[in-house]
Amino acid sequence: MDGTRMRLRLYFGDDLMFGPGKADLLDLIAAEGSISAAGRRMGMSYKRAWTLVEEMNAAFTEPLVVSSRGGAQGGGAALTAAGQAVLAHYRRLEAIVADQGADQIAAIRQRLKAAPTD
């Protein structure tokens, strides 16, 4: 690996950005079954994680995450079918850009004065 990283951010108008942070949050919600646990794993507060989930749920035609309050049975969160689809589309797009853009990324890297080392 040459140390080059790519971060894909999609901007939809002025109000919504969907990028690696939100995608990672969705991945971790799916894995952990919890917004707070996903946020902790990302080093963010529950409030910040919840705000991002609310932002995504409000922006799409269907919620991406559903949650239930805690209590005797405990709470939890899960991706909806829409959330799974948005995440899958985003991850496929990342892979396409990385694959199709590899030559251009290498050409840009060659023009650096001193290519950083790993």
N, C-alpha and C. Protein backbone atom coordinates (compact mmCIF):
# COMPACT_ATOMS: atom_id res chain seq x y z
N MET A 1 0.86 -1.19 0.00
CA MET A 1 0.00 0.00 0.00
C MET A 1 0.89 1.23 0.00
N ASP A 2 0.52 2.23 -0.77
CA ASP A 2 1.37 3.41 -0.89
C ASP A 2 0.99 4.53 0.07
N GLY A 3 0.06 4.30 0.97
CA GLY A 3 -0.31 5.31 1.96
C GLY A 3 -1.35 6.31 1.48
N THR A 4 -1.76 6.20 0.22
CA THR A 4 -2.78 7.11 -0.29
C THR A 4 -4.15 6.65 0.19
N ARG A 5 -4.93 7.59 0.69
CA ARG A 5 -6.29 7.30 1.13
C ARG A 5 -7.25 8.17 0.34
N MET A 6 -8.45 7.70 0.20
CA MET A 6 -9.48 8.46 -0.49
C MET A 6 -10.70 8.50 0.43
N ARG A 7 -11.33 9.66 0.51
CA ARG A 7 -12.56 9.80 1.30
C ARG A 7 -13.61 10.42 0.40
N LEU A 8 -14.64 9.68 0.14
CA LEU A 8 -15.70 10.11 -0.77
C LEU A 8 -16.82 10.78 0.03
N ARG A 9 -17.10 12.02 -0.34
CA ARG A 9 -18.22 12.75 0.27
C ARG A 9 -19.19 13.14 -0.84
N LEU A 10 -20.45 12.87 -0.60
CA LEU A 10 -21.50 13.24 -1.55
C LEU A 10 -22.28 14.40 -0.95
N TYR A 11 -22.42 15.45 -1.72
CA TYR A 11 -23.18 16.62 -1.28
C TYR A 11 -24.47 16.69 -2.09
N PHE A 12 -25.58 16.70 -1.39
CA PHE A 12 -26.89 16.80 -2.02
C PHE A 12 -27.45 18.17 -1.66
N GLY A 13 -27.27 19.12 -2.56
CA GLY A 13 -27.68 20.49 -2.27
C GLY A 13 -26.83 21.07 -1.15
N ASP A 14 -27.40 22.01 -0.42
CA ASP A 14 -26.68 22.66 0.67
C ASP A 14 -26.95 22.01 2.02
N ASP A 15 -27.92 21.10 2.05
CA ASP A 15 -28.40 20.61 3.34
C ASP A 15 -27.90 19.23 3.76
N LEU A 16 -27.45 18.42 2.83
CA LEU A 16 -27.07 17.07 3.21
C LEU A 16 -25.74 16.66 2.61
N MET A 17 -24.88 16.16 3.48
CA MET A 17 -23.63 15.55 3.05
C MET A 17 -23.66 14.12 3.57
N PHE A 18 -23.34 13.18 2.71
CA PHE A 18 -23.22 11.79 3.12
C PHE A 18 -21.82 11.34 2.77
N GLY A 19 -21.09 10.91 3.78
CA GLY A 19 -19.71 10.54 3.54
C GLY A 19 -19.26 9.41 4.44
N PRO A 20 -17.96 9.27 4.60
CA PRO A 20 -17.41 8.13 5.33
C PRO A 20 -17.83 8.06 6.80
N GLY A 21 -17.99 9.19 7.45
CA GLY A 21 -18.40 9.18 8.85
C GLY A 21 -19.80 8.62 9.04
N LYS A 22 -20.73 9.08 8.24
CA LYS A 22 -22.11 8.58 8.35
C LYS A 22 -22.18 7.13 7.91
N ALA A 23 -21.43 6.77 6.87
CA ALA A 23 -21.42 5.37 6.43
C ALA A 23 -20.85 4.48 7.53
N ASP A 24 -19.75 4.91 8.16
CA ASP A 24 -19.17 4.13 9.25
C ASP A 24 -20.14 4.02 10.42
N LEU A 25 -20.85 5.10 10.72
CA LEU A 25 -21.84 5.07 11.80
C LEU A 25 -22.92 4.04 11.48
N LEU A 26 -23.41 4.02 10.24
CA LEU A 26 -24.42 3.03 9.87
C LEU A 26 -23.86 1.62 9.99
N ASP A 27 -22.63 1.40 9.53
CA ASP A 27 -21.99 0.08 9.67
C ASP A 27 -21.96 -0.36 11.13
N LEU A 28 -21.56 0.56 12.01
CA LEU A 28 -21.42 0.21 13.42
C LEU A 28 -22.77 0.03 14.11
N ILE A 29 -23.78 0.78 13.70
CA ILE A 29 -25.12 0.57 14.24
C ILE A 29 -25.59 -0.83 13.87
N ALA A 30 -25.35 -1.22 12.62
CA ALA A 30 -25.73 -2.57 12.18
C ALA A 30 -24.98 -3.63 12.99
N ALA A 31 -23.70 -3.41 13.23
CA ALA A 31 -22.89 -4.39 13.95
C ALA A 31 -23.20 -4.44 15.44
N GLU A 32 -23.43 -3.28 16.04
CA GLU A 32 -23.61 -3.18 17.49
C GLU A 32 -25.06 -3.28 17.94
N GLY A 33 -25.99 -2.93 17.05
CA GLY A 33 -27.39 -2.92 17.43
C GLY A 33 -27.73 -1.78 18.37
N SER A 34 -26.89 -0.73 18.34
CA SER A 34 -27.04 0.37 19.29
C SER A 34 -26.40 1.64 18.74
N ILE A 35 -27.13 2.73 18.83
CA ILE A 35 -26.58 4.03 18.41
C ILE A 35 -25.49 4.47 19.39
N SER A 36 -25.72 4.30 20.68
CA SER A 36 -24.72 4.74 21.66
C SER A 36 -23.44 3.92 21.54
N ALA A 37 -23.54 2.61 21.36
CA ALA A 37 -22.34 1.78 21.21
C ALA A 37 -21.59 2.13 19.93
N ALA A 38 -22.32 2.39 18.86
CA ALA A 38 -21.69 2.78 17.60
C ALA A 38 -20.96 4.11 17.78
N GLY A 39 -21.61 5.05 18.43
CA GLY A 39 -20.98 6.35 18.69
C GLY A 39 -19.72 6.21 19.54
N ARG A 40 -19.80 5.40 20.58
CA ARG A 40 -18.62 5.18 21.44
C ARG A 40 -17.46 4.61 20.63
N ARG A 41 -17.75 3.65 19.78
CA ARG A 41 -16.68 3.05 18.97
C ARG A 41 -16.05 4.06 18.02
N MET A 42 -16.82 5.09 17.67
CA MET A 42 -16.29 6.12 16.79
C MET A 42 -15.71 7.29 17.58
N GLY A 43 -15.78 7.23 18.90
CA GLY A 43 -15.24 8.31 19.72
C GLY A 43 -16.13 9.54 19.75
N MET A 44 -17.43 9.35 19.56
CA MET A 44 -18.36 10.49 19.61
C MET A 44 -19.41 10.25 20.68
N SER A 45 -20.01 11.31 21.13
CA SER A 45 -21.04 11.21 22.15
C SER A 45 -22.31 10.61 21.56
N TYR A 46 -23.15 10.08 22.45
CA TYR A 46 -24.45 9.57 22.03
C TYR A 46 -25.24 10.68 21.35
N LYS A 47 -25.19 11.87 21.93
CA LYS A 47 -25.94 13.00 21.36
C LYS A 47 -25.51 13.27 19.92
N ARG A 48 -24.21 13.25 19.66
CA ARG A 48 -23.72 13.50 18.30
C ARG A 48 -24.16 12.38 17.36
N ALA A 49 -24.02 11.13 17.82
CA ALA A 49 -24.43 10.00 16.99
C ALA A 49 -25.93 10.07 16.69
N TRP A 50 -26.72 10.37 17.72
CA TRP A 50 -28.17 10.47 17.54
C TRP A 50 -28.52 11.61 16.60
N THR A 51 -27.83 12.73 16.71
CA THR A 51 -28.08 13.88 15.81
C THR A 51 -27.81 13.48 14.37
N LEU A 52 -26.73 12.75 14.12
CA LEU A 52 -26.43 12.31 12.76
C LEU A 52 -27.50 11.34 12.24
N VAL A 53 -27.96 10.45 13.10
CA VAL A 53 -29.03 9.52 12.70
C VAL A 53 -30.30 10.29 12.37
N GLU A 54 -30.66 11.24 13.22
CA GLU A 54 -31.87 12.05 12.96
C GLU A 54 -31.73 12.82 11.65
N GLU A 55 -30.54 13.36 11.40
CA GLU A 55 -30.27 14.10 10.16
C GLU A 55 -30.47 13.20 8.94
N MET A 56 -29.91 11.99 9.00
CA MET A 56 -30.07 11.06 7.89
C MET A 56 -31.53 10.63 7.73
N ASN A 57 -32.19 10.30 8.83
CA ASN A 57 -33.59 9.87 8.77
C ASN A 57 -34.48 10.95 8.17
N ALA A 58 -34.20 12.20 8.49
CA ALA A 58 -35.01 13.31 7.98
C ALA A 58 -34.74 13.59 6.50
N ALA A 59 -33.54 13.27 6.03
CA ALA A 59 -33.15 13.63 4.67
C ALA A 59 -33.63 12.64 3.62
N PHE A 60 -33.81 11.40 4.00
CA PHE A 60 -34.19 10.37 3.03
C PHE A 60 -35.69 10.13 3.06
N THR A 61 -36.20 9.54 1.98
CA THR A 61 -37.64 9.30 1.88
C THR A 61 -38.14 8.30 2.90
N GLU A 62 -37.25 7.44 3.37
CA GLU A 62 -37.56 6.48 4.42
C GLU A 62 -36.45 6.56 5.46
N PRO A 63 -36.76 6.31 6.73
CA PRO A 63 -35.70 6.32 7.74
C PRO A 63 -34.62 5.28 7.40
N LEU A 64 -33.37 5.61 7.74
CA LEU A 64 -32.28 4.66 7.54
C LEU A 64 -32.05 3.82 8.78
N VAL A 65 -32.45 4.35 9.95
CA VAL A 65 -32.25 3.66 11.22
C VAL A 65 -33.55 3.71 12.01
N VAL A 66 -33.88 2.59 12.63
CA VAL A 66 -35.00 2.56 13.58
C VAL A 66 -34.41 2.23 14.94
N SER A 67 -35.03 2.79 15.97
CA SER A 67 -34.52 2.53 17.31
C SER A 67 -35.69 2.34 18.27
N SER A 68 -35.37 1.66 19.37
CA SER A 68 -36.36 1.51 20.43
C SER A 68 -35.70 1.92 21.74
N ARG A 69 -36.50 2.47 22.62
CA ARG A 69 -36.00 2.95 23.90
C ARG A 69 -35.56 1.77 24.76
N GLY A 70 -34.70 2.10 25.70
CA GLY A 70 -34.24 1.09 26.67
C GLY A 70 -35.35 0.72 27.62
N GLY A 71 -35.02 -0.01 28.61
CA GLY A 71 -36.01 -0.47 29.59
C GLY A 71 -35.66 -1.88 30.00
N ALA A 72 -36.64 -2.63 30.46
CA ALA A 72 -36.39 -3.99 30.93
C ALA A 72 -35.79 -4.86 29.82
N GLN A 73 -36.29 -4.71 28.62
CA GLN A 73 -35.77 -5.48 27.49
C GLN A 73 -34.53 -4.83 26.86
N GLY A 74 -34.22 -3.62 27.28
CA GLY A 74 -33.11 -2.90 26.66
C GLY A 74 -33.56 -2.28 25.36
N GLY A 75 -32.86 -1.28 24.95
CA GLY A 75 -33.20 -0.61 23.70
C GLY A 75 -32.38 -1.21 22.58
N GLY A 76 -32.40 -0.55 21.48
CA GLY A 76 -31.59 -1.02 20.37
C GLY A 76 -31.84 -0.19 19.14
N ALA A 77 -31.06 -0.47 18.14
CA ALA A 77 -31.20 0.22 16.87
C ALA A 77 -30.80 -0.73 15.76
N ALA A 78 -31.37 -0.51 14.60
CA ALA A 78 -31.06 -1.35 13.44
C ALA A 78 -31.23 -0.53 12.18
N LEU A 79 -30.55 -0.95 11.14
CA LEU A 79 -30.74 -0.32 9.84
C LEU A 79 -32.03 -0.85 9.23
N THR A 80 -32.76 0.04 8.59
CA THR A 80 -33.92 -0.38 7.83
C THR A 80 -33.43 -0.92 6.48
N ALA A 81 -34.34 -1.42 5.69
CA ALA A 81 -33.98 -1.86 4.33
C ALA A 81 -33.41 -0.68 3.55
N ALA A 82 -33.99 0.50 3.75
CA ALA A 82 -33.47 1.70 3.07
C ALA A 82 -32.06 2.02 3.55
N GLY A 83 -31.81 1.90 4.84
CA GLY A 83 -30.48 2.14 5.39
C GLY A 83 -29.46 1.17 4.84
N GLN A 84 -29.84 -0.09 4.76
CA GLN A 84 -28.95 -1.10 4.19
C GLN A 84 -28.65 -0.80 2.73
N ALA A 85 -29.67 -0.36 1.99
CA ALA A 85 -29.50 -0.05 0.56
C ALA A 85 -28.59 1.17 0.36
N VAL A 86 -28.84 2.24 1.12
CA VAL A 86 -28.02 3.45 0.99
C VAL A 86 -26.57 3.12 1.33
N LEU A 87 -26.34 2.38 2.39
CA LEU A 87 -24.99 2.00 2.78
C LEU A 87 -24.33 1.13 1.70
N ALA A 88 -25.05 0.17 1.16
CA ALA A 88 -24.49 -0.70 0.12
C ALA A 88 -24.15 0.10 -1.14
N HIS A 89 -25.04 1.03 -1.53
CA HIS A 89 -24.75 1.87 -2.71
C HIS A 89 -23.50 2.72 -2.48
N TYR A 90 -23.40 3.30 -1.30
CA TYR A 90 -22.24 4.13 -0.98
C TYR A 90 -20.95 3.31 -1.01
N ARG A 91 -20.95 2.14 -0.40
CA ARG A 91 -19.75 1.30 -0.39
C ARG A 91 -19.38 0.84 -1.80
N ARG A 92 -20.37 0.53 -2.63
CA ARG A 92 -20.08 0.16 -4.03
C ARG A 92 -19.49 1.34 -4.78
N LEU A 93 -20.02 2.53 -4.53
CA LEU A 93 -19.49 3.73 -5.18
C LEU A 93 -18.05 3.99 -4.76
N GLU A 94 -17.74 3.82 -3.48
CA GLU A 94 -16.36 3.95 -3.02
C GLU A 94 -15.44 2.99 -3.78
N ALA A 95 -15.87 1.75 -3.91
CA ALA A 95 -15.05 0.74 -4.59
C ALA A 95 -14.86 1.09 -6.06
N ILE A 96 -15.91 1.57 -6.71
CA ILE A 96 -15.81 1.96 -8.13
C ILE A 96 -14.83 3.11 -8.30
N VAL A 97 -14.95 4.13 -7.46
CA VAL A 97 -14.06 5.29 -7.57
C VAL A 97 -12.61 4.88 -7.31
N ALA A 98 -12.39 4.05 -6.29
CA ALA A 98 -11.02 3.61 -5.99
C ALA A 98 -10.45 2.80 -7.15
N ASP A 99 -11.24 1.91 -7.71
CA ASP A 99 -10.78 1.06 -8.81
C ASP A 99 -10.58 1.87 -10.09
N GLN A 100 -11.59 2.61 -10.48
CA GLN A 100 -11.54 3.35 -11.73
C GLN A 100 -10.61 4.56 -11.65
N GLY A 101 -10.35 5.05 -10.46
CA GLY A 101 -9.51 6.23 -10.31
C GLY A 101 -8.07 5.92 -9.94
N ALA A 102 -7.72 4.66 -9.84
CA ALA A 102 -6.37 4.27 -9.39
C ALA A 102 -5.27 4.90 -10.24
N ASP A 103 -5.42 4.90 -11.56
CA ASP A 103 -4.39 5.47 -12.44
C ASP A 103 -4.25 6.97 -12.22
N GLN A 104 -5.38 7.66 -12.06
CA GLN A 104 -5.33 9.10 -11.86
C GLN A 104 -4.73 9.44 -10.49
N ILE A 105 -5.07 8.64 -9.48
CA ILE A 105 -4.50 8.86 -8.15
C ILE A 105 -2.99 8.66 -8.19
N ALA A 106 -2.54 7.61 -8.87
CA ALA A 106 -1.10 7.36 -9.01
C ALA A 106 -0.41 8.50 -9.75
N ALA A 107 -1.06 9.02 -10.79
CA ALA A 107 -0.46 10.13 -11.55
C ALA A 107 -0.34 11.38 -10.69
N ILE A 108 -1.32 11.66 -9.88
CA ILE A 108 -1.26 12.81 -8.96
C ILE A 108 -0.15 12.58 -7.94
N ARG A 109 -0.08 11.39 -7.40
CA ARG A 109 0.95 11.06 -6.40
C ARG A 109 2.35 11.25 -6.97
N GLN A 110 2.56 10.88 -8.23
CA GLN A 110 3.88 11.01 -8.85
C GLN A 110 4.31 12.47 -8.96
N ARG A 111 3.38 13.38 -8.96
CA ARG A 111 3.71 14.80 -9.09
C ARG A 111 4.02 15.47 -7.74
N LEU A 112 3.90 14.74 -6.68
CA LEU A 112 4.24 15.28 -5.36
C LEU A 112 5.75 15.49 -5.29
N LYS A 113 6.18 16.54 -4.62
CA LYS A 113 7.61 16.79 -4.45
C LYS A 113 8.29 15.61 -3.76
N ALA A 114 7.74 15.21 -2.66
CA ALA A 114 8.26 14.05 -1.95
C ALA A 114 7.07 13.24 -1.49
N ALA A 115 6.89 12.08 -2.08
CA ALA A 115 5.77 11.25 -1.71
C ALA A 115 5.92 10.79 -0.26
N PRO A 116 4.90 11.01 0.57
CA PRO A 116 4.98 10.57 1.96
C PRO A 116 5.17 9.06 2.03
N THR A 117 5.84 8.62 3.07
CA THR A 117 6.02 7.18 3.26
C THR A 117 4.96 6.67 4.20
N ASP A 118 4.74 5.37 4.18
CA ASP A 118 3.75 4.76 5.06
C ASP A 118 4.18 4.82 6.49
